[in-house]
Amino acid sequence: MAERLIIDYITSGNGYQRGYNFVTPTDHLPSAVKKLLWRAAMPRGTKWAAYVGARSLKSIPLPNGQIALAMTTVTDRQDEMGRGGLRRAEIQLIPAREYRLALQRHLAQLPTRAHQHADAMLSWRLWKRIADKALPKVNREAQIILAHAYSTMEDWLALEALVLKIALARPVNLLARWGARPTFTTLALDYREESRIVALPIERANRYHDRKDAFILKLP
């Protein structure tokens, strides 16, 4: 069974400082693993209060050979200053050999409607755009930003399905330069310091133009 960790916002008491904390034991974790999870588990960006109820799945390769799958949820809670957008991350630590199966299981749990919408977007034309734009030989470190209008989390599950299908697919070694397990984030509000594949609401993606470190693919 995968080990589970939780990062949550603590407002008071129970021996924690106010702010984000690990609320599950971490003393057994290597220092490098704990630091990486603390820095990378939650998706980037600010002003999450506009996305209450949203969730984001993120993959993080760890220095001990495991892979973390972090599911972050935007809660309706507020901090001591009345600011909203507080998030909670539930993290699974998975052996690398079980990673692909874990993604397949997560994908299988998504609604049929999300699969259908994702399949409609995941055309050969999109794969060609990824090949032409996101993986040029001159910039092997480039990220791919999948930009789509955000209305509700129920609708955004199609982007979650799309990202997982891309991460799992192996069309003619298209993603070979990114390794066997390209990192991904199914919802973020900023692409910087994010995964190789990251989905952004189009209103956030529109802030970035002519980037050399990322390629924006706007989806219908």
N, C-alpha and C. Protein backbone atom coordinates (compact mmCIF):
# COMPACT_ATOMS: atom_id res chain seq x y z
N MET A 1 0.84 -1.19 0.00
CA MET A 1 0.00 0.00 0.00
C MET A 1 0.88 1.25 0.00
N ALA A 2 0.50 2.23 -0.82
CA ALA A 2 1.27 3.45 -0.90
C ALA A 2 1.19 4.24 0.41
N GLU A 3 2.31 4.81 0.81
CA GLU A 3 2.30 5.67 1.99
C GLU A 3 1.61 6.98 1.67
N ARG A 4 0.86 7.51 2.64
CA ARG A 4 0.11 8.75 2.44
C ARG A 4 0.58 9.82 3.41
N LEU A 5 0.75 11.02 2.88
CA LEU A 5 1.12 12.19 3.66
C LEU A 5 0.11 13.29 3.37
N ILE A 6 -0.02 14.24 4.30
CA ILE A 6 -0.95 15.35 4.11
C ILE A 6 -0.27 16.66 4.48
N ILE A 7 -0.42 17.65 3.62
CA ILE A 7 -0.04 19.03 3.93
C ILE A 7 -1.34 19.84 4.01
N ASP A 8 -1.53 20.55 5.10
CA ASP A 8 -2.78 21.31 5.28
C ASP A 8 -2.46 22.64 5.94
N TYR A 9 -3.41 23.56 5.87
CA TYR A 9 -3.26 24.86 6.52
C TYR A 9 -3.84 24.77 7.92
N ILE A 10 -3.02 25.13 8.90
CA ILE A 10 -3.43 25.09 10.31
C ILE A 10 -3.66 26.51 10.80
N THR A 11 -4.83 26.77 11.34
CA THR A 11 -5.14 28.11 11.83
C THR A 11 -4.75 28.31 13.28
N SER A 12 -4.79 27.24 14.09
CA SER A 12 -4.43 27.40 15.50
C SER A 12 -4.34 26.05 16.18
N GLY A 13 -3.56 26.00 17.25
CA GLY A 13 -3.56 24.88 18.18
C GLY A 13 -2.96 23.59 17.67
N ASN A 14 -3.15 22.54 18.47
CA ASN A 14 -2.71 21.18 18.17
C ASN A 14 -1.20 21.06 17.97
N GLY A 15 -0.46 21.98 18.55
CA GLY A 15 1.00 21.88 18.50
C GLY A 15 1.63 22.33 17.21
N TYR A 16 0.87 22.88 16.29
CA TYR A 16 1.40 23.33 15.01
C TYR A 16 1.48 24.85 14.98
N GLN A 17 2.43 25.36 14.20
CA GLN A 17 2.44 26.78 13.90
C GLN A 17 1.34 27.09 12.90
N ARG A 18 0.87 28.31 12.93
CA ARG A 18 -0.11 28.71 11.92
C ARG A 18 0.53 28.65 10.54
N GLY A 19 -0.26 28.26 9.57
CA GLY A 19 0.24 28.18 8.21
C GLY A 19 0.23 26.74 7.72
N TYR A 20 0.85 26.52 6.58
CA TYR A 20 0.90 25.17 6.01
C TYR A 20 1.88 24.30 6.77
N ASN A 21 1.46 23.07 7.04
CA ASN A 21 2.28 22.11 7.77
C ASN A 21 2.00 20.70 7.26
N PHE A 22 3.00 19.84 7.38
CA PHE A 22 2.71 18.41 7.30
C PHE A 22 1.90 18.04 8.54
N VAL A 23 0.77 17.40 8.36
CA VAL A 23 -0.04 17.00 9.51
C VAL A 23 -0.04 15.48 9.67
N THR A 24 0.85 14.82 8.98
CA THR A 24 1.12 13.41 9.16
C THR A 24 2.61 13.27 9.46
N PRO A 25 3.03 12.20 10.13
CA PRO A 25 4.43 12.06 10.51
C PRO A 25 5.38 12.06 9.30
N THR A 26 6.52 12.74 9.44
CA THR A 26 7.51 12.80 8.37
C THR A 26 8.93 12.52 8.87
N ASP A 27 9.07 12.19 10.17
CA ASP A 27 10.41 11.99 10.73
C ASP A 27 11.17 10.87 10.03
N HIS A 28 10.43 9.92 9.45
CA HIS A 28 11.07 8.77 8.81
C HIS A 28 11.54 9.08 7.40
N LEU A 29 11.15 10.22 6.86
CA LEU A 29 11.50 10.55 5.48
C LEU A 29 12.91 11.11 5.38
N PRO A 30 13.65 10.76 4.33
CA PRO A 30 14.93 11.44 4.09
C PRO A 30 14.72 12.94 3.94
N SER A 31 15.67 13.71 4.41
CA SER A 31 15.54 15.16 4.40
C SER A 31 15.29 15.69 2.98
N ALA A 32 15.98 15.14 1.99
CA ALA A 32 15.83 15.62 0.61
C ALA A 32 14.42 15.36 0.08
N VAL A 33 13.83 14.23 0.48
CA VAL A 33 12.47 13.90 0.05
C VAL A 33 11.48 14.86 0.68
N LYS A 34 11.61 15.08 1.98
CA LYS A 34 10.69 15.98 2.68
C LYS A 34 10.76 17.39 2.11
N LYS A 35 11.97 17.88 1.85
CA LYS A 35 12.13 19.24 1.32
C LYS A 35 11.50 19.37 -0.06
N LEU A 36 11.70 18.35 -0.90
CA LEU A 36 11.13 18.40 -2.24
C LEU A 36 9.60 18.37 -2.21
N LEU A 37 9.04 17.52 -1.36
CA LEU A 37 7.59 17.47 -1.25
C LEU A 37 7.03 18.80 -0.74
N TRP A 38 7.69 19.38 0.23
CA TRP A 38 7.24 20.65 0.77
C TRP A 38 7.25 21.74 -0.29
N ARG A 39 8.27 21.72 -1.14
CA ARG A 39 8.41 22.76 -2.16
C ARG A 39 7.51 22.54 -3.36
N ALA A 40 7.27 21.26 -3.71
CA ALA A 40 6.67 20.99 -5.02
C ALA A 40 5.28 20.38 -5.00
N ALA A 41 4.79 19.93 -3.84
CA ALA A 41 3.54 19.16 -3.84
C ALA A 41 2.35 19.97 -4.35
N MET A 42 2.23 21.22 -3.93
CA MET A 42 1.09 22.03 -4.34
C MET A 42 1.39 22.75 -5.66
N PRO A 43 0.40 22.87 -6.53
CA PRO A 43 0.63 23.56 -7.81
C PRO A 43 0.90 25.04 -7.61
N ARG A 44 1.63 25.62 -8.57
CA ARG A 44 2.04 27.02 -8.48
C ARG A 44 0.89 27.96 -8.81
N GLY A 45 1.06 29.21 -8.37
CA GLY A 45 0.10 30.25 -8.69
C GLY A 45 -0.51 30.85 -7.44
N THR A 46 -1.16 31.98 -7.62
CA THR A 46 -1.79 32.70 -6.52
C THR A 46 -3.26 32.96 -6.85
N LYS A 47 -3.99 33.46 -5.86
CA LYS A 47 -5.41 33.81 -5.99
C LYS A 47 -6.26 32.57 -6.28
N TRP A 48 -6.03 31.53 -5.47
CA TRP A 48 -6.79 30.30 -5.61
C TRP A 48 -8.22 30.43 -5.09
N ALA A 49 -8.55 31.52 -4.41
CA ALA A 49 -9.90 31.69 -3.87
C ALA A 49 -10.96 31.66 -4.96
N ALA A 50 -10.57 31.99 -6.18
CA ALA A 50 -11.52 31.97 -7.30
C ALA A 50 -11.78 30.55 -7.81
N TYR A 51 -11.07 29.56 -7.22
CA TYR A 51 -11.17 28.18 -7.71
C TYR A 51 -11.56 27.20 -6.59
N VAL A 52 -12.37 27.67 -5.66
CA VAL A 52 -12.82 26.80 -4.56
C VAL A 52 -13.49 25.55 -5.15
N GLY A 53 -13.08 24.40 -4.63
CA GLY A 53 -13.61 23.13 -5.12
C GLY A 53 -12.75 22.49 -6.19
N ALA A 54 -11.80 23.24 -6.72
CA ALA A 54 -10.91 22.69 -7.75
C ALA A 54 -9.91 21.72 -7.13
N ARG A 55 -9.39 20.82 -7.97
CA ARG A 55 -8.36 19.90 -7.51
C ARG A 55 -7.29 19.79 -8.58
N SER A 56 -6.11 19.39 -8.17
CA SER A 56 -5.00 19.25 -9.10
C SER A 56 -4.17 18.04 -8.72
N LEU A 57 -3.91 17.19 -9.69
CA LEU A 57 -3.05 16.02 -9.49
C LEU A 57 -1.67 16.32 -10.07
N LYS A 58 -0.64 16.01 -9.30
CA LYS A 58 0.72 16.36 -9.70
C LYS A 58 1.65 15.19 -9.44
N SER A 59 2.57 14.93 -10.37
CA SER A 59 3.56 13.86 -10.19
C SER A 59 4.92 14.47 -9.89
N ILE A 60 5.63 13.86 -8.94
CA ILE A 60 6.91 14.39 -8.48
C ILE A 60 7.90 13.24 -8.30
N PRO A 61 8.89 13.09 -9.16
CA PRO A 61 9.93 12.08 -8.94
C PRO A 61 10.76 12.44 -7.71
N LEU A 62 11.02 11.47 -6.86
CA LEU A 62 11.73 11.72 -5.61
C LEU A 62 13.15 11.16 -5.66
N PRO A 63 14.06 11.76 -4.89
CA PRO A 63 15.46 11.31 -4.93
C PRO A 63 15.69 9.91 -4.36
N ASN A 64 14.70 9.34 -3.67
CA ASN A 64 14.86 7.99 -3.13
C ASN A 64 14.33 6.92 -4.10
N GLY A 65 13.96 7.33 -5.32
CA GLY A 65 13.49 6.38 -6.31
C GLY A 65 11.99 6.22 -6.36
N GLN A 66 11.27 6.76 -5.40
CA GLN A 66 9.82 6.72 -5.43
C GLN A 66 9.27 7.86 -6.30
N ILE A 67 7.97 7.82 -6.52
CA ILE A 67 7.28 8.91 -7.20
C ILE A 67 6.11 9.33 -6.31
N ALA A 68 5.97 10.62 -6.13
CA ALA A 68 4.85 11.15 -5.35
C ALA A 68 3.73 11.57 -6.30
N LEU A 69 2.51 11.19 -5.95
CA LEU A 69 1.31 11.69 -6.61
C LEU A 69 0.58 12.56 -5.59
N ALA A 70 0.53 13.85 -5.84
CA ALA A 70 -0.06 14.80 -4.90
C ALA A 70 -1.37 15.32 -5.45
N MET A 71 -2.45 15.11 -4.71
CA MET A 71 -3.76 15.64 -5.08
C MET A 71 -4.06 16.82 -4.17
N THR A 72 -4.07 18.01 -4.74
CA THR A 72 -4.34 19.23 -3.98
C THR A 72 -5.77 19.69 -4.24
N THR A 73 -6.47 20.03 -3.16
CA THR A 73 -7.84 20.51 -3.25
C THR A 73 -7.91 21.93 -2.72
N VAL A 74 -8.63 22.80 -3.42
CA VAL A 74 -8.86 24.17 -2.95
C VAL A 74 -10.09 24.15 -2.06
N THR A 75 -9.90 24.46 -0.79
CA THR A 75 -10.99 24.39 0.18
C THR A 75 -11.74 25.72 0.26
N ASP A 76 -12.86 25.71 1.00
CA ASP A 76 -13.62 26.95 1.22
C ASP A 76 -13.25 27.61 2.54
N ARG A 77 -12.18 27.16 3.16
CA ARG A 77 -11.77 27.73 4.44
C ARG A 77 -11.02 29.05 4.24
N GLN A 78 -10.91 29.82 5.32
CA GLN A 78 -10.19 31.08 5.31
C GLN A 78 -9.12 31.07 6.41
N ASP A 79 -8.08 31.86 6.19
CA ASP A 79 -7.05 31.97 7.21
C ASP A 79 -7.47 32.98 8.26
N GLU A 80 -6.57 33.25 9.21
CA GLU A 80 -6.92 34.13 10.33
C GLU A 80 -7.17 35.58 9.89
N MET A 81 -6.76 35.93 8.66
CA MET A 81 -6.99 37.27 8.13
C MET A 81 -8.21 37.31 7.21
N GLY A 82 -8.92 36.19 7.11
CA GLY A 82 -10.10 36.15 6.26
C GLY A 82 -9.82 35.90 4.80
N ARG A 83 -8.60 35.49 4.48
CA ARG A 83 -8.23 35.23 3.09
C ARG A 83 -8.59 33.79 2.72
N GLY A 84 -9.21 33.63 1.57
CA GLY A 84 -9.63 32.31 1.12
C GLY A 84 -8.59 31.66 0.22
N GLY A 85 -9.01 30.56 -0.40
CA GLY A 85 -8.11 29.85 -1.30
C GLY A 85 -7.13 28.92 -0.60
N LEU A 86 -7.42 28.53 0.65
CA LEU A 86 -6.54 27.62 1.35
C LEU A 86 -6.61 26.23 0.71
N ARG A 87 -5.46 25.58 0.64
CA ARG A 87 -5.39 24.31 -0.06
C ARG A 87 -4.93 23.18 0.86
N ARG A 88 -5.26 21.98 0.46
CA ARG A 88 -4.88 20.77 1.20
C ARG A 88 -4.34 19.76 0.19
N ALA A 89 -3.17 19.22 0.48
CA ALA A 89 -2.54 18.26 -0.43
C ALA A 89 -2.46 16.89 0.24
N GLU A 90 -2.99 15.89 -0.44
CA GLU A 90 -2.87 14.50 -0.02
C GLU A 90 -1.90 13.81 -0.97
N ILE A 91 -0.84 13.26 -0.41
CA ILE A 91 0.29 12.77 -1.20
C ILE A 91 0.44 11.27 -1.03
N GLN A 92 0.57 10.57 -2.13
CA GLN A 92 0.88 9.15 -2.13
C GLN A 92 2.33 8.96 -2.57
N LEU A 93 3.07 8.17 -1.83
CA LEU A 93 4.44 7.81 -2.22
C LEU A 93 4.41 6.43 -2.84
N ILE A 94 4.75 6.35 -4.12
CA ILE A 94 4.56 5.13 -4.90
C ILE A 94 5.90 4.63 -5.43
N PRO A 95 6.16 3.31 -5.34
CA PRO A 95 7.35 2.77 -6.01
C PRO A 95 7.27 3.02 -7.51
N ALA A 96 8.40 3.31 -8.13
CA ALA A 96 8.40 3.64 -9.56
C ALA A 96 7.74 2.54 -10.40
N ARG A 97 7.92 1.27 -10.00
CA ARG A 97 7.36 0.17 -10.79
C ARG A 97 5.83 0.16 -10.78
N GLU A 98 5.21 0.84 -9.81
CA GLU A 98 3.75 0.87 -9.69
C GLU A 98 3.13 2.16 -10.22
N TYR A 99 3.97 3.05 -10.70
CA TYR A 99 3.52 4.39 -11.08
C TYR A 99 2.52 4.35 -12.23
N ARG A 100 2.86 3.64 -13.29
CA ARG A 100 1.97 3.60 -14.45
C ARG A 100 0.60 3.02 -14.09
N LEU A 101 0.60 1.97 -13.29
CA LEU A 101 -0.65 1.36 -12.86
C LEU A 101 -1.47 2.34 -12.03
N ALA A 102 -0.80 3.11 -11.18
CA ALA A 102 -1.51 4.10 -10.36
C ALA A 102 -2.20 5.15 -11.23
N LEU A 103 -1.52 5.60 -12.29
CA LEU A 103 -2.13 6.56 -13.20
C LEU A 103 -3.31 5.95 -13.94
N GLN A 104 -3.16 4.71 -14.37
CA GLN A 104 -4.25 4.03 -15.08
C GLN A 104 -5.47 3.90 -14.18
N ARG A 105 -5.25 3.58 -12.91
CA ARG A 105 -6.37 3.45 -11.98
C ARG A 105 -7.05 4.79 -11.77
N HIS A 106 -6.26 5.83 -11.63
CA HIS A 106 -6.86 7.15 -11.43
C HIS A 106 -7.65 7.57 -12.66
N LEU A 107 -7.10 7.33 -13.83
CA LEU A 107 -7.79 7.67 -15.07
C LEU A 107 -9.10 6.91 -15.19
N ALA A 108 -9.09 5.64 -14.81
CA ALA A 108 -10.30 4.81 -14.91
C ALA A 108 -11.42 5.30 -14.01
N GLN A 109 -11.09 6.03 -12.96
CA GLN A 109 -12.10 6.52 -12.02
C GLN A 109 -12.78 7.81 -12.49
N LEU A 110 -12.26 8.42 -13.53
CA LEU A 110 -12.85 9.67 -14.02
C LEU A 110 -14.13 9.39 -14.79
N PRO A 111 -15.06 10.35 -14.80
CA PRO A 111 -16.35 10.12 -15.46
C PRO A 111 -16.21 9.88 -16.96
N THR A 112 -17.17 9.17 -17.51
CA THR A 112 -17.17 8.88 -18.95
C THR A 112 -17.14 10.17 -19.76
N ARG A 113 -17.87 11.17 -19.31
CA ARG A 113 -17.91 12.45 -20.03
C ARG A 113 -16.54 13.08 -20.12
N ALA A 114 -15.75 12.97 -19.06
CA ALA A 114 -14.39 13.52 -19.08
C ALA A 114 -13.53 12.79 -20.09
N HIS A 115 -13.65 11.47 -20.16
CA HIS A 115 -12.91 10.68 -21.14
C HIS A 115 -13.30 11.08 -22.56
N GLN A 116 -14.58 11.23 -22.80
CA GLN A 116 -15.05 11.56 -24.15
C GLN A 116 -14.53 12.92 -24.60
N HIS A 117 -14.58 13.90 -23.70
CA HIS A 117 -14.09 15.24 -24.04
C HIS A 117 -12.58 15.21 -24.25
N ALA A 118 -11.86 14.48 -23.41
CA ALA A 118 -10.41 14.38 -23.57
C ALA A 118 -10.05 13.72 -24.89
N ASP A 119 -10.75 12.65 -25.24
CA ASP A 119 -10.47 11.95 -26.49
C ASP A 119 -10.73 12.85 -27.69
N ALA A 120 -11.75 13.71 -27.58
CA ALA A 120 -12.04 14.63 -28.68
C ALA A 120 -10.91 15.65 -28.86
N MET A 121 -10.28 16.05 -27.77
CA MET A 121 -9.16 17.00 -27.85
C MET A 121 -7.87 16.31 -28.26
N LEU A 122 -7.71 15.04 -27.87
CA LEU A 122 -6.44 14.34 -28.07
C LEU A 122 -6.39 13.76 -29.49
N SER A 123 -6.36 14.63 -30.45
CA SER A 123 -6.33 14.24 -31.85
C SER A 123 -4.88 14.10 -32.32
N TRP A 124 -4.73 13.56 -33.52
CA TRP A 124 -3.38 13.50 -34.09
C TRP A 124 -2.83 14.91 -34.29
N ARG A 125 -3.74 15.85 -34.57
CA ARG A 125 -3.29 17.24 -34.74
C ARG A 125 -2.64 17.76 -33.46
N LEU A 126 -3.22 17.42 -32.31
CA LEU A 126 -2.62 17.86 -31.05
C LEU A 126 -1.27 17.20 -30.84
N TRP A 127 -1.18 15.89 -31.13
CA TRP A 127 0.11 15.23 -31.00
C TRP A 127 1.15 15.89 -31.90
N LYS A 128 0.74 16.26 -33.10
CA LYS A 128 1.69 16.92 -34.01
C LYS A 128 2.12 18.27 -33.47
N ARG A 129 1.19 19.01 -32.88
CA ARG A 129 1.53 20.29 -32.27
C ARG A 129 2.51 20.09 -31.12
N ILE A 130 2.31 19.04 -30.33
CA ILE A 130 3.26 18.75 -29.25
C ILE A 130 4.64 18.46 -29.84
N ALA A 131 4.67 17.65 -30.89
CA ALA A 131 5.95 17.30 -31.51
C ALA A 131 6.63 18.53 -32.11
N ASP A 132 5.83 19.38 -32.78
CA ASP A 132 6.40 20.54 -33.46
C ASP A 132 6.77 21.67 -32.51
N LYS A 133 5.95 21.86 -31.49
CA LYS A 133 6.12 23.03 -30.62
C LYS A 133 6.79 22.74 -29.29
N ALA A 134 6.45 21.61 -28.69
CA ALA A 134 6.86 21.38 -27.30
C ALA A 134 8.14 20.58 -27.17
N LEU A 135 8.58 19.94 -28.23
CA LEU A 135 9.77 19.10 -28.11
C LEU A 135 10.81 19.42 -29.17
N PRO A 136 11.14 20.68 -29.41
CA PRO A 136 12.16 20.96 -30.41
C PRO A 136 13.54 20.55 -29.92
N LYS A 137 14.38 20.14 -30.83
CA LYS A 137 15.72 19.69 -30.44
C LYS A 137 16.52 20.80 -29.79
N VAL A 138 16.17 22.05 -30.10
CA VAL A 138 16.96 23.16 -29.56
C VAL A 138 16.58 23.48 -28.12
N ASN A 139 15.48 22.93 -27.63
CA ASN A 139 15.07 23.26 -26.27
C ASN A 139 14.43 22.04 -25.62
N ARG A 140 15.23 21.13 -25.18
CA ARG A 140 14.72 19.89 -24.61
C ARG A 140 14.12 20.08 -23.22
N GLU A 141 14.34 21.24 -22.62
CA GLU A 141 13.81 21.48 -21.28
C GLU A 141 12.47 22.19 -21.32
N ALA A 142 11.95 22.48 -22.50
CA ALA A 142 10.72 23.26 -22.60
C ALA A 142 9.53 22.53 -21.99
N GLN A 143 8.63 23.32 -21.42
CA GLN A 143 7.38 22.79 -20.88
C GLN A 143 6.28 22.92 -21.93
N ILE A 144 5.25 22.11 -21.77
CA ILE A 144 4.06 22.26 -22.58
C ILE A 144 2.92 22.70 -21.69
N ILE A 145 2.28 23.81 -22.06
CA ILE A 145 1.13 24.35 -21.32
C ILE A 145 -0.12 24.04 -22.12
N LEU A 146 -1.03 23.28 -21.52
CA LEU A 146 -2.32 23.02 -22.13
C LEU A 146 -3.30 24.03 -21.56
N ALA A 147 -3.79 24.94 -22.38
CA ALA A 147 -4.63 26.04 -21.93
C ALA A 147 -6.07 25.80 -22.35
N HIS A 148 -6.98 25.96 -21.39
CA HIS A 148 -8.39 25.71 -21.66
C HIS A 148 -9.23 26.57 -20.72
N ALA A 149 -10.41 26.93 -21.15
CA ALA A 149 -11.29 27.74 -20.30
C ALA A 149 -11.71 26.94 -19.07
N TYR A 150 -11.63 27.59 -17.90
CA TYR A 150 -12.08 26.96 -16.66
C TYR A 150 -13.45 27.49 -16.30
N SER A 151 -14.41 26.57 -16.15
CA SER A 151 -15.75 26.96 -15.71
C SER A 151 -16.07 26.31 -14.37
N THR A 152 -16.06 24.98 -14.34
CA THR A 152 -16.26 24.22 -13.10
C THR A 152 -15.25 23.09 -13.05
N MET A 153 -15.06 22.55 -11.84
CA MET A 153 -14.14 21.43 -11.72
C MET A 153 -14.67 20.21 -12.47
N GLU A 154 -15.98 20.06 -12.50
CA GLU A 154 -16.56 18.93 -13.22
C GLU A 154 -16.15 18.97 -14.69
N ASP A 155 -16.19 20.16 -15.29
CA ASP A 155 -15.76 20.28 -16.68
C ASP A 155 -14.25 20.12 -16.81
N TRP A 156 -13.50 20.59 -15.80
CA TRP A 156 -12.03 20.53 -15.90
C TRP A 156 -11.51 19.09 -15.79
N LEU A 157 -12.34 18.17 -15.33
CA LEU A 157 -11.90 16.78 -15.27
C LEU A 157 -11.50 16.26 -16.65
N ALA A 158 -12.03 16.88 -17.70
CA ALA A 158 -11.60 16.51 -19.05
C ALA A 158 -10.12 16.83 -19.26
N LEU A 159 -9.66 17.95 -18.68
CA LEU A 159 -8.23 18.28 -18.77
C LEU A 159 -7.40 17.33 -17.92
N GLU A 160 -7.95 16.94 -16.78
CA GLU A 160 -7.25 15.95 -15.95
C GLU A 160 -7.08 14.65 -16.73
N ALA A 161 -8.15 14.22 -17.40
CA ALA A 161 -8.07 13.01 -18.22
C ALA A 161 -7.09 13.19 -19.37
N LEU A 162 -7.12 14.34 -20.01
CA LEU A 162 -6.23 14.61 -21.14
C LEU A 162 -4.77 14.53 -20.72
N VAL A 163 -4.44 15.18 -19.61
CA VAL A 163 -3.05 15.17 -19.14
C VAL A 163 -2.60 13.74 -18.83
N LEU A 164 -3.46 12.98 -18.17
CA LEU A 164 -3.11 11.60 -17.84
C LEU A 164 -2.93 10.75 -19.10
N LYS A 165 -3.77 10.95 -20.09
CA LYS A 165 -3.65 10.19 -21.34
C LYS A 165 -2.33 10.52 -22.05
N ILE A 166 -1.94 11.78 -22.02
CA ILE A 166 -0.67 12.17 -22.62
C ILE A 166 0.49 11.55 -21.85
N ALA A 167 0.41 11.61 -20.51
CA ALA A 167 1.49 11.05 -19.69
C ALA A 167 1.62 9.54 -19.86
N LEU A 168 0.51 8.87 -20.15
CA LEU A 168 0.52 7.41 -20.28
C LEU A 168 0.81 6.94 -21.70
N ALA A 169 0.57 7.79 -22.69
CA ALA A 169 0.68 7.37 -24.09
C ALA A 169 2.14 7.24 -24.52
N ARG A 170 2.33 6.41 -25.54
CA ARG A 170 3.67 6.20 -26.09
C ARG A 170 3.60 6.22 -27.62
N PRO A 171 3.12 7.31 -28.21
CA PRO A 171 3.00 7.33 -29.67
C PRO A 171 4.35 7.59 -30.35
N VAL A 172 4.94 6.55 -30.86
CA VAL A 172 6.19 6.61 -31.63
C VAL A 172 7.28 7.32 -30.83
N ASN A 173 7.34 7.01 -29.55
CA ASN A 173 8.36 7.59 -28.67
C ASN A 173 8.35 9.12 -28.69
N LEU A 174 7.17 9.69 -28.88
CA LEU A 174 7.06 11.14 -29.01
C LEU A 174 7.63 11.86 -27.80
N LEU A 175 7.42 11.29 -26.61
CA LEU A 175 7.88 11.95 -25.39
C LEU A 175 9.21 11.39 -24.90
N ALA A 176 9.95 10.72 -25.78
CA ALA A 176 11.16 10.02 -25.35
C ALA A 176 12.17 10.96 -24.71
N ARG A 177 12.26 12.18 -25.21
CA ARG A 177 13.23 13.12 -24.65
C ARG A 177 12.90 13.49 -23.21
N TRP A 178 11.65 13.27 -22.80
CA TRP A 178 11.24 13.60 -21.45
C TRP A 178 11.38 12.42 -20.50
N GLY A 179 11.89 11.30 -20.98
CA GLY A 179 12.05 10.14 -20.13
C GLY A 179 10.81 9.28 -20.09
N ALA A 180 10.89 8.17 -19.35
CA ALA A 180 9.80 7.20 -19.31
C ALA A 180 8.58 7.72 -18.56
N ARG A 181 8.79 8.69 -17.65
CA ARG A 181 7.68 9.18 -16.83
C ARG A 181 7.70 10.72 -16.79
N PRO A 182 7.18 11.37 -17.84
CA PRO A 182 7.18 12.84 -17.84
C PRO A 182 6.32 13.38 -16.70
N THR A 183 6.80 14.41 -16.03
CA THR A 183 6.05 14.98 -14.91
C THR A 183 4.88 15.80 -15.43
N PHE A 184 3.84 15.91 -14.60
CA PHE A 184 2.64 16.62 -15.03
C PHE A 184 1.95 17.25 -13.83
N THR A 185 1.14 18.28 -14.14
CA THR A 185 0.24 18.92 -13.17
C THR A 185 -1.07 19.17 -13.89
N THR A 186 -2.18 18.69 -13.35
CA THR A 186 -3.44 18.77 -14.08
C THR A 186 -4.15 20.11 -13.92
N LEU A 187 -3.71 20.94 -12.98
CA LEU A 187 -4.24 22.30 -12.85
C LEU A 187 -3.26 23.12 -12.05
N ALA A 188 -2.79 24.21 -12.64
CA ALA A 188 -1.95 25.19 -11.95
C ALA A 188 -2.39 26.57 -12.41
N LEU A 189 -1.94 27.59 -11.72
CA LEU A 189 -2.25 28.97 -12.10
C LEU A 189 -1.02 29.71 -12.59
N ASP A 190 0.13 29.04 -12.58
CA ASP A 190 1.39 29.58 -13.09
C ASP A 190 2.23 28.39 -13.55
N TYR A 191 2.85 28.50 -14.71
CA TYR A 191 3.63 27.37 -15.23
C TYR A 191 5.06 27.34 -14.70
N ARG A 192 5.54 28.46 -14.18
CA ARG A 192 6.95 28.54 -13.78
C ARG A 192 7.23 27.64 -12.57
N GLU A 193 8.35 26.93 -12.63
CA GLU A 193 8.75 25.95 -11.61
C GLU A 193 7.72 24.84 -11.51
N GLU A 194 7.05 24.56 -12.62
CA GLU A 194 6.03 23.51 -12.63
C GLU A 194 6.52 22.30 -13.43
N SER A 195 5.61 21.36 -13.65
CA SER A 195 5.92 20.11 -14.32
C SER A 195 6.17 20.32 -15.81
N ARG A 196 6.64 19.25 -16.46
CA ARG A 196 6.87 19.30 -17.90
C ARG A 196 5.56 19.50 -18.67
N ILE A 197 4.49 18.84 -18.22
CA ILE A 197 3.17 19.01 -18.81
C ILE A 197 2.29 19.66 -17.75
N VAL A 198 1.72 20.81 -18.05
CA VAL A 198 0.92 21.51 -17.05
C VAL A 198 -0.30 22.13 -17.71
N ALA A 199 -1.46 21.95 -17.09
CA ALA A 199 -2.70 22.52 -17.60
C ALA A 199 -3.03 23.80 -16.83
N LEU A 200 -3.29 24.88 -17.56
CA LEU A 200 -3.62 26.18 -16.98
C LEU A 200 -4.96 26.67 -17.51
N PRO A 201 -5.76 27.34 -16.68
CA PRO A 201 -6.92 28.05 -17.21
C PRO A 201 -6.46 29.06 -18.25
N ILE A 202 -7.20 29.20 -19.32
CA ILE A 202 -6.73 30.03 -20.43
C ILE A 202 -6.54 31.48 -20.02
N GLU A 203 -7.33 31.94 -19.02
CA GLU A 203 -7.17 33.33 -18.58
C GLU A 203 -5.82 33.53 -17.89
N ARG A 204 -5.26 32.48 -17.32
CA ARG A 204 -3.91 32.58 -16.75
C ARG A 204 -2.85 32.40 -17.84
N ALA A 205 -3.07 31.46 -18.73
CA ALA A 205 -2.10 31.20 -19.80
C ALA A 205 -1.92 32.41 -20.70
N ASN A 206 -2.98 33.20 -20.87
CA ASN A 206 -2.91 34.37 -21.75
C ASN A 206 -1.95 35.44 -21.24
N ARG A 207 -1.52 35.31 -20.00
CA ARG A 207 -0.57 36.28 -19.46
C ARG A 207 0.84 36.07 -20.02
N TYR A 208 1.07 34.91 -20.61
CA TYR A 208 2.41 34.55 -21.05
C TYR A 208 2.45 34.53 -22.58
N HIS A 209 3.40 35.27 -23.14
CA HIS A 209 3.53 35.34 -24.59
C HIS A 209 5.00 35.18 -24.98
N ASP A 210 5.21 34.52 -26.12
CA ASP A 210 6.56 34.40 -26.69
C ASP A 210 7.57 33.87 -25.68
N ARG A 211 7.18 32.79 -25.00
CA ARG A 211 8.06 32.19 -24.00
C ARG A 211 9.06 31.26 -24.67
N LYS A 212 10.30 31.31 -24.25
CA LYS A 212 11.30 30.37 -24.76
C LYS A 212 11.37 29.11 -23.92
N ASP A 213 10.82 29.17 -22.71
CA ASP A 213 10.91 28.03 -21.79
C ASP A 213 9.61 27.24 -21.74
N ALA A 214 8.60 27.64 -22.51
CA ALA A 214 7.32 26.94 -22.49
C ALA A 214 6.57 27.22 -23.79
N PHE A 215 5.70 26.27 -24.15
CA PHE A 215 4.89 26.42 -25.36
C PHE A 215 3.42 26.25 -24.97
N ILE A 216 2.62 27.23 -25.36
CA ILE A 216 1.21 27.24 -24.99
C ILE A 216 0.39 26.62 -26.12
N LEU A 217 -0.36 25.59 -25.80
CA LEU A 217 -1.27 24.96 -26.74
C LEU A 217 -2.69 25.22 -26.27
N LYS A 218 -3.40 26.09 -26.97
CA LYS A 218 -4.76 26.45 -26.59
C LYS A 218 -5.73 25.41 -27.14
N LEU A 219 -6.55 24.89 -26.26
CA LEU A 219 -7.47 23.81 -26.61
C LEU A 219 -8.89 24.33 -26.75
N PRO A 220 -9.68 23.71 -27.64
CA PRO A 220 -11.07 24.14 -27.83
C PRO A 220 -11.93 23.80 -26.63
